[in-house]
Protein backbone atom coordinates (compact mmCIF):
# COMPACT_ATOMS: atom_id res chain seq x y z
CA UNK A 1 7.53 28.43 -9.05
CA UNK A 2 10.57 29.70 -6.93
CA UNK A 3 13.04 27.59 -6.68
CA UNK A 4 13.33 27.53 -2.94
CA UNK A 5 9.63 26.46 -2.88
CA UNK A 6 10.64 23.81 -5.14
CA UNK A 7 13.21 23.00 -2.89
CA UNK A 8 11.27 23.31 0.38
CA UNK A 9 8.48 20.85 -0.85
CA UNK A 10 11.03 18.50 -2.12
CA UNK A 11 12.61 18.15 1.29
CA UNK A 12 9.27 17.87 3.02
CA UNK A 13 7.82 15.28 0.52
CA UNK A 14 11.47 13.02 1.51
CA UNK A 15 11.30 13.48 5.04
CA UNK A 16 7.32 12.06 5.07
CA UNK A 17 8.01 9.65 2.33
CA UNK A 18 10.65 8.40 4.70
CA UNK A 19 8.64 8.37 7.60
CA UNK A 20 6.06 6.62 5.82
CA UNK A 21 7.98 3.54 4.75
CA UNK A 22 9.97 3.70 7.84
CA UNK A 23 6.78 3.25 10.29
CA UNK A 24 5.49 0.04 8.16
CA UNK A 25 2.01 0.42 9.16
CA UNK A 26 0.91 -1.87 6.37
CA UNK A 27 1.09 -2.26 3.06
CA UNK A 28 -1.12 0.82 1.38
CA UNK A 29 0.86 3.21 3.64
CA UNK A 30 4.07 2.17 2.36
CA UNK A 31 3.08 2.22 -1.02
CA UNK A 32 2.07 5.85 -0.66
CA UNK A 33 5.17 6.41 1.24
CA UNK A 34 7.49 5.28 -2.06
CA UNK A 35 4.66 7.29 -4.47
CA UNK A 36 5.59 10.22 -2.19
CA UNK A 37 9.05 9.18 -2.64
CA UNK A 38 8.69 9.40 -6.59
CA UNK A 39 7.19 12.67 -6.38
CA UNK A 40 9.99 14.25 -4.28
CA UNK A 41 12.95 12.51 -6.93
CA UNK A 42 10.84 14.30 -9.75
CA UNK A 43 11.24 17.33 -7.66
CA UNK A 44 14.84 16.87 -7.06
CA UNK A 45 15.40 16.20 -10.75
CA UNK A 46 13.75 19.75 -11.76
CA UNK A 47 16.15 21.28 -9.30
CA UNK A 48 18.82 19.46 -10.79
CA UNK A 49 17.81 20.63 -14.26
CA UNK A 50 17.08 24.04 -13.47
CA UNK A 51 20.34 25.25 -11.96
CA UNK A 52 22.55 22.10 -13.56
CA UNK A 53 23.70 19.79 -11.38
CA UNK A 54 24.35 16.54 -13.02
CA UNK A 55 25.18 14.85 -9.38
CA UNK A 56 21.95 15.59 -8.07
CA UNK A 57 19.99 14.41 -11.66
CA UNK A 58 21.85 11.12 -11.46
CA UNK A 59 21.18 10.54 -7.38
CA UNK A 60 17.39 11.27 -7.79
CA UNK A 61 17.24 9.53 -11.52
CA UNK A 62 18.61 6.39 -9.49
CA UNK A 63 16.20 6.99 -6.38
CA UNK A 64 13.17 7.20 -8.98
CA UNK A 65 14.09 3.85 -10.30
CA UNK A 66 14.45 2.13 -6.73
CA UNK A 67 11.02 3.70 -5.89
CA UNK A 68 9.15 2.47 -8.50
CA UNK A 69 10.66 -0.72 -7.86
CA UNK A 70 9.10 -0.33 -4.55
CA UNK A 71 6.10 0.55 -5.38
CA UNK A 72 5.74 -2.44 -7.98
CA UNK A 73 6.79 -4.93 -5.13
CA UNK A 74 4.42 -4.02 -2.48
CA UNK A 75 1.49 -2.73 -4.09
CA UNK A 76 0.04 -6.54 -4.58
CA UNK A 77 0.44 -6.49 -0.78
CA UNK A 78 -1.73 -3.50 -0.28
CA UNK A 79 -4.33 -4.90 -2.68
CA UNK A 80 -3.93 -8.38 -0.58
CA UNK A 81 -4.57 -6.19 2.82
CA UNK A 82 -7.26 -4.63 0.96
CA UNK A 83 -9.27 -7.68 -0.04
CA UNK A 84 -8.65 -9.42 3.64
CA UNK A 85 -9.81 -6.58 5.13
CA UNK A 86 -13.62 -6.39 3.15
CA UNK A 87 -16.13 -8.22 4.93
CA UNK A 88 -16.81 -11.08 3.35
CA UNK A 89 -20.69 -12.31 2.99
CA UNK A 90 -22.10 -14.99 4.93
CA UNK A 91 -21.76 -18.46 4.00
CA UNK A 92 -24.95 -20.43 3.49
CA UNK A 93 -24.82 -23.96 3.63
CA UNK A 94 -26.54 -26.93 2.19
CA UNK A 95 -30.36 -27.43 2.79
CA UNK A 96 -31.05 -31.05 4.20
CA UNK A 97 -34.60 -32.11 3.24
CA UNK A 98 -35.60 -28.62 3.11
CA UNK A 99 -35.52 -27.96 7.04
CA UNK A 100 -32.15 -26.07 7.85
CA UNK A 101 -29.35 -25.07 6.23
CA UNK A 102 -26.96 -27.71 7.48
CA UNK A 103 -23.73 -25.40 7.79
CA UNK A 104 -26.20 -22.43 9.81
CA UNK A 105 -27.70 -25.04 12.08
CA UNK A 106 -27.39 -24.18 15.78
CA UNK A 107 -26.70 -27.38 17.28
CA UNK A 108 -23.62 -27.58 14.66
CA UNK A 109 -22.10 -24.09 15.47
CA UNK A 110 -21.84 -25.72 19.29
CA UNK A 111 -19.94 -28.30 17.52
CA UNK A 112 -22.28 -31.01 17.52
CA UNK A 113 -23.92 -33.30 15.29
CA UNK A 114 -26.30 -35.80 14.58
CA UNK A 115 -23.42 -38.57 14.44
CA UNK A 116 -21.26 -37.39 17.20
């Protein structure tokens, strides 16, 4: 792989990741942004190893740790958002004397009960 291609990919990944994290649309996109930051940091570290640049290696090693912490912090939120967006099965009410389920009666849905 050419060094120019590596640098171009690393720069593009960094820009896209920054946009995803800054947009803060939802936790899943933020986690994807941090994951892309991790890939970009690895690419920049590879660039620093190919052409010995200690400052680039150190900077992106620190950013790599920060981005791993970002994924660790946001990943539970992404799971919670995904669980909250799933459709829940309909609740079944208790059956009163074999007639209608108590929780699903039309009168109960309108706010009426036999004790009001």
